[in-house]
Every structure is written in C-alpha cells, then in structure tokens.
Amino acid sequence: MSLKLVIRRLLFLILVIWSASTITFFIPRLSPRNAIRERFAELARSGGFSPGDLEKIIASYSQQFGLDKPLLQQYWDFLGSVLRLDFGYSLNKYPSTMLDLIMQSIPWTLTLLIVTTILSFLIGNLLGAIAAWPRAPRWARMVATPFVLLMGVPPVLMGVLLLFFLGFRLQWFPLGGAYSIGVVPNWSWGFAFDVLRHQVLPALALILGSVGGWVLSMRGMGVTIQGEDYVNFAEHKGLGGITIFRDYYLRNALLPQVTGFALALGTVVTSAIVVEGTFGLPGIGTTLNNAIRANDFPVIYGIVLFITIAVATLMVLMEFIYPLLDPRIRQN
C-alpha cells in the first residue's frame, strides 16, 4: 500500500470529522430554542425558585458553556475541544463531562457490538456459503431460510418479541438491565455469569436481525464463485469437497463480504444503540435515551458526533486491512 494512498485516506477521515463537527455545531444553533433556558425553566416550574434566580442561573451556565461569546469564536472553541476529545459538559449531570459519560457506557456497547457483529458475520457467511454450495445436503441449505425471513424484522421489534416470549412468558432470561438488582459488580465468575444472562436477549435481537443479510449476500457471491476457473481447476484435480469448499470457494467469496462489513458498521452501531434502550443496558444507547428525556442537548450532540467519528474511523481502518486480505489488489 502506497504512502500516497494512506495520506489520502487520512485526509478524507479528517474531512469527515470536520464536516460532522461543523454540522453538529451549527444545526442546533439554527433553532430558536435555547437548550439551557428550556432545561432550567422546567426545573423552575417544579422547584419554585424566582425568575430573577432563574436568569442568574441561565447567565452563569451560558458563560460556563461559552454561549455568551460570538458565534465564530464558539465554533473555533468547539473544533478545538473536538481535537482534544473534550465534548463538553452535561446539563443534566453537571459537572460530569461528556467524555466521562462515554467512558462509563462505552464498555457495555463495545462488548455487545464486538460479540454480535463477529457472530453475525461468521454465522451468516457460513450459512450463505453452504446454501449456495451444490454439494451441500438439502437440509443444510434449508437451515439459512429462517434467518432470511427474520431479516425484515427490525431489531427493536425483535427485542420486544424476545422479551415477551423468552423473558416474560418462559422466564428463561432477565427482562432488562446489565445485571440483577442488588448485585454489586465484582470480579467473580458468579457476577460474570449474571452479566452474560442479561446480555443474551440483546445479542439475539441483533444477531437474528442481521444474519439474513449476510446469508443473502454470501449466497450471491457463492453462486458467482462456482463458475470461476480456479474452482473448476480444483475439481478437475480431484481435490476433496471440503478442501475445495474451504480453500477455493469460501475463502474467495469472503473477500467482497469484508467490504460489506465495513459498509454495515453504521447500521450495526445504530441498531445496537436502539436495542440498548429497549433492554435498559447502561451503554451509549441508554445514555442517549436518558439525555433525550432530560432535554440534555449537549449530551445528545456529543454522542452523535462521537458515533460519527467512530464509524468513519472504522471504515478507514477496513480500507487499510482489505489489501492485506487480498494480495491481488494493487492501489496506485
């Protein structure tokens, strides 16, 4: 891979981050609504302090958040804070910063994403390859059909169905949360097993909704690979069916799927965030839902910006990894 290509991809990543930061900064300011005033006006109605005190609080918070400065100065300060990974403070949990909230919730989201994404990719591509392989038994090709049918069910609806049937009716799994109520987090096998039981339903909701897409795309690639010369040559050499399937058929059909994996990252992240809110996991999704309910606009904008930067970075990394997987690619 040439240095010129690396520099071009990094410059593209910087452009994406700058564009996302600019949009995140200006769109809220196009609205006539004042997030700080709305937040503390709501507290004033429930707390009963005087309008004079309300104005002093609003002025103090506006100064703290830099909203009393000119718009251009606010913009430059905002870009500087993004470079420092300082996404500002939370209105609802002040003086906690956005970075504090993200660091508290990102391990739950990251664990769920890694497990479900890898399992969906492996299961879907294996079933799709078997479904297209002409030597596979008929029963093996039919295994992929239910996953294709479930592909049209949104992850949120899938999560609700799993909660109702497996959690409420059969009571096989907990109905929500990261661990049981009253349990103190600790480094023990009992706590790890309790966390695992709470993660099963969210993971199933994401896996069942995404495996079907991998099955269809892999089946299409498998049908195309069957007519390639190297597959026919391997068959004429008299190689075993498992060897041809593993080394000539599956390995080459997987290469375009890696590109699809990079493109699907945005959808996977979005689905995971929504599912987290459904099951009450203390991840990025729950933090975002709580911020929406509390009108905590800085947290909402910060999480959206953080997700945009993370997905853009992952897609650039996938572009760097792909030539390592396929030596035939030559990029000038």
Protein backbone atom coordinates (compact mmCIF):
# COMPACT_ATOMS: atom_id res chain seq x y z
CA MET A 1 0.00 0.00 0.00
CA SER A 2 1.48 3.32 -1.07
CA LEU A 3 2.11 6.23 1.26
CA LYS A 4 0.10 8.45 -1.05
CA LEU A 5 -2.99 6.28 -0.55
CA VAL A 6 -2.58 6.32 3.24
CA ILE A 7 -2.27 10.11 3.28
CA ARG A 8 -5.33 10.47 1.02
CA ARG A 9 -7.44 8.23 3.26
CA LEU A 10 -6.33 10.06 6.40
CA LEU A 11 -7.16 13.41 4.81
CA PHE A 12 -10.58 12.03 3.92
CA LEU A 13 -11.07 10.95 7.54
CA ILE A 14 -10.15 14.45 8.73
CA LEU A 15 -12.63 15.92 6.25
CA VAL A 16 -15.41 13.63 7.53
CA ILE A 17 -14.67 14.53 11.16
CA TRP A 18 -14.60 18.25 10.34
CA SER A 19 -17.88 18.01 8.40
CA ALA A 20 -19.59 16.07 11.18
CA SER A 21 -18.31 18.52 13.79
CA THR A 22 -19.49 21.52 11.77
CA ILE A 23 -22.96 20.08 11.18
CA THR A 24 -23.25 19.10 14.85
CA PHE A 25 -22.29 22.63 15.88
CA PHE A 26 -24.48 24.69 13.54
CA ILE A 27 -27.71 22.67 13.30
CA PRO A 28 -28.71 23.18 16.97
CA ARG A 29 -27.97 26.88 16.64
CA LEU A 30 -30.34 27.23 13.68
CA SER A 31 -33.20 26.53 16.07
CA PRO A 32 -34.66 29.44 18.06
CA ARG A 33 -34.88 27.17 21.13
CA ASN A 34 -32.43 27.70 23.98
CA ALA A 35 -31.44 24.38 25.50
CA ILE A 36 -30.20 25.86 28.77
CA ARG A 37 -33.26 28.09 29.23
CA GLU A 38 -35.65 25.22 28.50
CA ARG A 39 -33.83 22.90 30.86
CA PHE A 40 -33.84 25.27 33.84
CA ALA A 41 -37.29 26.64 33.10
CA GLU A 42 -38.53 23.08 33.52
CA LEU A 43 -36.70 22.82 36.85
CA ALA A 44 -38.06 26.23 37.90
CA ARG A 45 -41.64 25.06 37.41
CA SER A 46 -41.04 22.08 39.67
CA GLY A 47 -38.66 23.77 42.14
CA GLY A 48 -40.40 27.09 42.57
CA PHE A 49 -37.42 29.49 42.61
CA SER A 50 -37.88 33.07 41.47
CA PRO A 51 -37.49 34.35 37.88
CA GLY A 52 -34.56 36.50 38.96
CA ASP A 53 -32.68 33.48 40.23
CA LEU A 54 -33.55 31.64 37.01
CA GLU A 55 -31.97 34.37 34.88
CA LYS A 56 -28.82 34.35 37.02
CA ILE A 57 -28.53 30.58 36.67
CA ILE A 58 -29.05 30.77 32.89
CA ALA A 59 -26.43 33.52 32.58
CA SER A 60 -23.96 31.54 34.68
CA TYR A 61 -24.42 28.37 32.65
CA SER A 62 -24.26 30.30 29.36
CA GLN A 63 -20.91 31.68 30.44
CA GLN A 64 -19.74 28.24 31.54
CA PHE A 65 -20.69 26.69 28.18
CA GLY A 66 -19.28 29.66 26.24
CA LEU A 67 -22.64 30.65 24.75
CA ASP A 68 -22.06 34.32 25.58
CA LYS A 69 -19.21 34.53 23.04
CA PRO A 70 -19.57 35.42 19.32
CA LEU A 71 -20.69 32.53 17.10
CA LEU A 72 -17.38 32.29 15.22
CA GLN A 73 -15.44 32.17 18.49
CA GLN A 74 -17.77 29.43 19.75
CA TYR A 75 -17.13 27.48 16.54
CA TRP A 76 -13.34 27.64 16.87
CA ASP A 77 -13.54 26.69 20.55
CA PHE A 78 -15.78 23.76 19.61
CA LEU A 79 -13.33 22.47 16.97
CA GLY A 80 -10.51 22.74 19.49
CA SER A 81 -12.49 20.76 22.03
CA VAL A 82 -13.16 18.04 19.42
CA LEU A 83 -9.43 17.73 18.76
CA ARG A 84 -8.89 17.31 22.50
CA LEU A 85 -11.79 14.79 22.67
CA ASP A 86 -13.47 17.21 25.06
CA PHE A 87 -17.16 17.13 24.11
CA GLY A 88 -18.25 19.50 26.87
CA TYR A 89 -20.41 19.15 29.97
CA SER A 90 -23.75 17.53 30.62
CA LEU A 91 -26.64 19.77 31.62
CA ASN A 92 -28.42 17.02 33.50
CA LYS A 93 -25.35 15.60 35.28
CA TYR A 94 -23.18 18.69 35.58
CA PRO A 95 -20.23 18.83 36.32
CA SER A 96 -19.82 15.44 34.63
CA THR A 97 -18.32 15.80 31.17
CA MET A 98 -19.41 14.07 28.01
CA LEU A 99 -16.15 12.09 27.98
CA ASP A 100 -16.92 10.80 31.50
CA LEU A 101 -20.36 9.60 30.41
CA ILE A 102 -18.97 7.98 27.26
CA MET A 103 -16.17 6.20 29.13
CA GLN A 104 -18.69 4.83 31.65
CA SER A 105 -21.03 3.47 28.98
CA ILE A 106 -18.75 2.53 26.06
CA PRO A 107 -17.53 -0.83 27.54
CA TRP A 108 -21.10 -2.20 27.53
CA THR A 109 -21.78 -1.03 23.98
CA LEU A 110 -18.39 -2.14 22.68
CA THR A 111 -18.71 -5.63 24.17
CA LEU A 112 -22.20 -6.10 22.72
CA LEU A 113 -21.11 -4.81 19.30
CA ILE A 114 -17.98 -6.95 19.05
CA VAL A 115 -19.72 -10.19 20.02
CA THR A 116 -22.85 -9.72 17.90
CA THR A 117 -21.02 -8.37 14.83
CA ILE A 118 -18.48 -11.19 14.73
CA LEU A 119 -21.09 -13.89 15.34
CA SER A 120 -23.47 -12.44 12.74
CA PHE A 121 -20.69 -12.20 10.17
CA LEU A 122 -19.42 -15.74 10.75
CA ILE A 123 -22.82 -17.45 11.02
CA GLY A 124 -24.36 -15.57 8.10
CA ASN A 125 -21.46 -16.12 5.72
CA LEU A 126 -21.09 -19.79 6.60
CA LEU A 127 -24.81 -20.46 6.11
CA GLY A 128 -24.84 -18.42 2.89
CA ALA A 129 -21.87 -20.36 1.51
CA ILE A 130 -23.49 -23.69 2.38
CA ALA A 131 -26.80 -22.57 0.83
CA ALA A 132 -25.05 -21.89 -2.49
CA TRP A 133 -22.72 -24.92 -2.45
CA PRO A 134 -24.20 -27.52 -4.82
CA ARG A 135 -22.62 -30.46 -2.95
CA ALA A 136 -24.17 -29.49 0.40
CA PRO A 137 -27.06 -31.65 1.69
CA ARG A 138 -30.53 -30.31 1.17
CA TRP A 139 -31.21 -29.99 4.91
CA ALA A 140 -28.06 -27.91 5.33
CA ARG A 141 -29.16 -25.50 2.59
CA MET A 142 -32.56 -25.10 4.22
CA VAL A 143 -31.09 -24.02 7.56
CA ALA A 144 -30.50 -20.49 6.24
CA THR A 145 -34.14 -19.92 5.24
CA PRO A 146 -35.47 -18.88 8.71
CA PHE A 147 -32.71 -16.30 9.09
CA VAL A 148 -33.60 -14.75 5.74
CA LEU A 149 -37.24 -14.47 6.82
CA LEU A 150 -36.21 -12.77 10.08
CA MET A 151 -34.14 -10.21 8.19
CA GLY A 152 -37.19 -7.97 7.69
CA VAL A 153 -37.92 -7.71 11.42
CA PRO A 154 -36.45 -4.51 12.95
CA PRO A 155 -34.07 -5.10 15.88
CA VAL A 156 -36.37 -3.18 18.24
CA LEU A 157 -39.37 -5.34 17.38
CA MET A 158 -37.19 -8.44 17.59
CA GLY A 159 -36.09 -7.36 21.05
CA VAL A 160 -39.69 -6.83 22.20
CA LEU A 161 -40.69 -10.28 20.90
CA LEU A 162 -37.75 -11.92 22.66
CA LEU A 163 -38.56 -10.07 25.86
CA PHE A 164 -42.17 -11.21 25.76
CA PHE A 165 -41.66 -14.86 24.86
CA LEU A 166 -38.26 -15.78 26.34
CA GLY A 167 -38.19 -13.29 29.20
CA PHE A 168 -41.81 -12.79 30.32
CA ARG A 169 -43.66 -15.95 29.29
CA LEU A 170 -40.93 -18.59 29.62
CA GLN A 171 -38.81 -16.63 32.16
CA TRP A 172 -35.59 -18.05 30.76
CA PHE A 173 -33.76 -14.73 30.78
CA PRO A 174 -33.96 -11.41 32.69
CA LEU A 175 -36.21 -8.70 31.32
CA GLY A 176 -33.59 -5.95 31.32
CA GLY A 177 -30.61 -4.32 32.93
CA ALA A 178 -26.94 -5.21 32.82
CA TYR A 179 -27.06 -7.37 35.96
CA SER A 180 -29.52 -8.35 38.67
CA ILE A 181 -30.87 -5.78 41.10
CA GLY A 182 -28.96 -5.77 44.38
CA VAL A 183 -25.85 -7.40 42.89
CA VAL A 184 -22.62 -5.48 43.50
CA PRO A 185 -20.26 -5.54 40.50
CA ASN A 186 -17.14 -7.59 41.26
CA TRP A 187 -14.52 -9.75 39.59
CA SER A 188 -16.11 -13.17 40.09
CA TRP A 189 -17.49 -15.96 37.93
CA GLY A 190 -20.92 -15.56 39.52
CA PHE A 191 -21.14 -11.91 38.50
CA ALA A 192 -19.80 -12.69 35.01
CA PHE A 193 -22.48 -15.37 34.54
CA ASP A 194 -25.17 -12.95 35.75
CA VAL A 195 -23.99 -10.31 33.23
CA LEU A 196 -23.91 -12.95 30.49
CA ARG A 197 -27.55 -13.94 31.15
CA HIS A 198 -28.60 -10.29 30.83
CA GLN A 199 -26.71 -9.94 27.53
CA VAL A 200 -28.27 -12.96 25.78
CA LEU A 201 -31.54 -11.34 24.65
CA PRO A 202 -29.96 -8.09 23.34
CA ALA A 203 -27.36 -10.14 21.48
CA LEU A 204 -30.03 -12.42 19.97
CA ALA A 205 -32.07 -9.40 18.85
CA LEU A 206 -29.08 -8.05 16.92
CA ILE A 207 -27.87 -11.39 15.56
CA LEU A 208 -31.24 -12.65 14.34
CA GLY A 209 -31.88 -9.37 12.56
CA SER A 210 -28.56 -9.22 10.72
CA VAL A 211 -27.63 -12.82 9.86
CA GLY A 212 -30.14 -12.94 7.00
CA GLY A 213 -28.44 -10.09 5.13
CA TRP A 214 -25.09 -11.87 5.27
CA VAL A 215 -26.74 -15.10 4.12
CA LEU A 216 -28.21 -13.48 1.00
CA SER A 217 -25.07 -11.59 0.01
CA MET A 218 -22.83 -14.60 0.62
CA ARG A 219 -25.15 -16.88 -1.34
CA GLY A 220 -24.96 -14.50 -4.30
CA MET A 221 -21.17 -14.44 -4.11
CA GLY A 222 -21.08 -18.23 -3.79
CA VAL A 223 -23.13 -18.72 -6.96
CA THR A 224 -20.72 -16.42 -8.82
CA ILE A 225 -17.62 -18.18 -7.47
CA GLN A 226 -18.82 -21.60 -8.69
CA GLY A 227 -18.13 -20.72 -12.30
CA GLU A 228 -14.61 -19.40 -11.74
CA ASP A 229 -11.69 -21.16 -13.39
CA TYR A 230 -9.79 -21.85 -10.17
CA VAL A 231 -12.79 -23.69 -8.70
CA ASN A 232 -13.21 -25.79 -11.83
CA PHE A 233 -9.47 -26.49 -11.89
CA ALA A 234 -9.57 -27.66 -8.26
CA GLU A 235 -12.45 -30.01 -9.06
CA HIS A 236 -10.61 -31.46 -12.08
CA LYS A 237 -7.53 -32.03 -9.92
CA GLY A 238 -9.64 -34.36 -7.82
CA LEU A 239 -9.41 -32.43 -4.56
CA GLY A 240 -11.83 -33.30 -1.78
CA GLY A 241 -15.09 -31.43 -1.42
CA ILE A 242 -14.17 -29.95 1.97
CA THR A 243 -10.82 -28.68 0.64
CA ILE A 244 -12.45 -27.04 -2.37
CA PHE A 245 -15.16 -25.51 -0.19
CA ARG A 246 -12.71 -24.12 2.37
CA ASP A 247 -9.69 -23.03 0.29
CA TYR A 248 -11.12 -22.17 -3.12
CA TYR A 249 -14.79 -21.40 -2.62
CA LEU A 250 -15.31 -19.90 0.84
CA ARG A 251 -12.03 -18.01 1.07
CA ASN A 252 -12.51 -16.13 -2.19
CA ALA A 253 -16.21 -15.49 -1.68
CA LEU A 254 -15.48 -13.87 1.70
CA LEU A 255 -13.33 -11.07 0.27
CA PRO A 256 -16.19 -8.88 -1.03
CA GLN A 257 -18.03 -9.53 2.24
CA VAL A 258 -15.31 -7.66 4.11
CA THR A 259 -16.24 -4.57 2.11
CA GLY A 260 -19.88 -5.13 3.02
CA PHE A 261 -18.81 -5.49 6.64
CA ALA A 262 -17.28 -2.00 6.59
CA LEU A 263 -20.38 -0.51 4.96
CA ALA A 264 -22.67 -2.21 7.50
CA LEU A 265 -20.88 -0.79 10.54
CA GLY A 266 -23.09 2.30 10.66
CA THR A 267 -26.27 0.25 10.64
CA VAL A 268 -24.94 -2.16 13.27
CA VAL A 269 -23.97 0.68 15.63
CA THR A 270 -27.36 2.34 15.23
CA SER A 271 -29.23 -0.91 15.85
CA ALA A 272 -27.13 -1.67 18.94
CA ILE A 273 -27.88 1.76 20.41
CA VAL A 274 -31.63 1.33 19.90
CA VAL A 275 -31.59 -2.22 21.33
CA GLU A 276 -29.70 -1.00 24.40
CA GLY A 277 -32.51 1.42 25.14
CA THR A 278 -35.05 -1.39 24.82
CA PHE A 279 -33.26 -3.66 27.29
CA GLY A 280 -32.03 -0.92 29.63
CA LEU A 281 -28.33 -1.69 29.27
CA PRO A 282 -26.03 1.06 30.65
CA GLY A 283 -24.42 1.69 27.27
CA ILE A 284 -24.31 4.56 24.81
CA GLY A 285 -27.92 3.90 23.78
CA THR A 286 -29.28 4.24 27.31
CA THR A 287 -27.19 7.35 27.91
CA LEU A 288 -28.62 8.84 24.72
CA ASN A 289 -32.19 7.94 25.67
CA ASN A 290 -31.77 9.48 29.13
CA ALA A 291 -30.36 12.64 27.56
CA ILE A 292 -33.35 12.90 25.22
CA ARG A 293 -35.80 12.53 28.10
CA ALA A 294 -33.95 15.16 30.17
CA ASN A 295 -33.51 17.63 27.26
CA ASP A 296 -29.75 17.32 27.76
CA PHE A 297 -28.85 18.68 24.33
CA PRO A 298 -25.03 18.80 24.76
CA VAL A 299 -25.02 15.07 25.55
CA ILE A 300 -27.21 14.30 22.53
CA TYR A 301 -24.97 16.24 20.16
CA GLY A 302 -21.80 14.83 21.74
CA ILE A 303 -22.91 11.21 21.40
CA VAL A 304 -23.98 11.72 17.78
CA LEU A 305 -20.61 13.29 16.99
CA PHE A 306 -18.74 10.54 18.84
CA ILE A 307 -20.58 7.80 16.92
CA THR A 308 -19.95 9.54 13.60
CA ILE A 309 -16.23 9.81 14.28
CA ALA A 310 -16.01 6.19 15.48
CA VAL A 311 -17.80 4.77 12.42
CA ALA A 312 -15.74 6.90 9.99
CA THR A 313 -12.52 5.76 11.67
CA LEU A 314 -13.54 2.08 11.48
CA MET A 315 -14.37 2.37 7.79
CA VAL A 316 -10.95 3.87 7.03
CA LEU A 317 -9.27 1.08 9.01
CA MET A 318 -11.20 -1.50 6.99
CA GLU A 319 -9.87 0.09 3.80
CA PHE A 320 -6.33 -0.38 5.11
CA ILE A 321 -6.98 -4.00 6.14
CA TYR A 322 -8.63 -5.12 2.90
CA PRO A 323 -5.45 -5.11 0.73
CA LEU A 324 -3.80 -7.31 3.36
CA LEU A 325 -6.57 -9.87 2.95
CA ASP A 326 -6.49 -9.83 -0.85
CA PRO A 327 -2.92 -9.61 -2.27
CA ARG A 328 -4.35 -9.27 -5.79
CA ILE A 329 -5.37 -5.70 -5.06
CA ARG A 330 -2.89 -3.08 -6.25
CA GLN A 331 -3.70 0.51 -5.37
CA ASN A 332 -1.78 3.31 -7.01
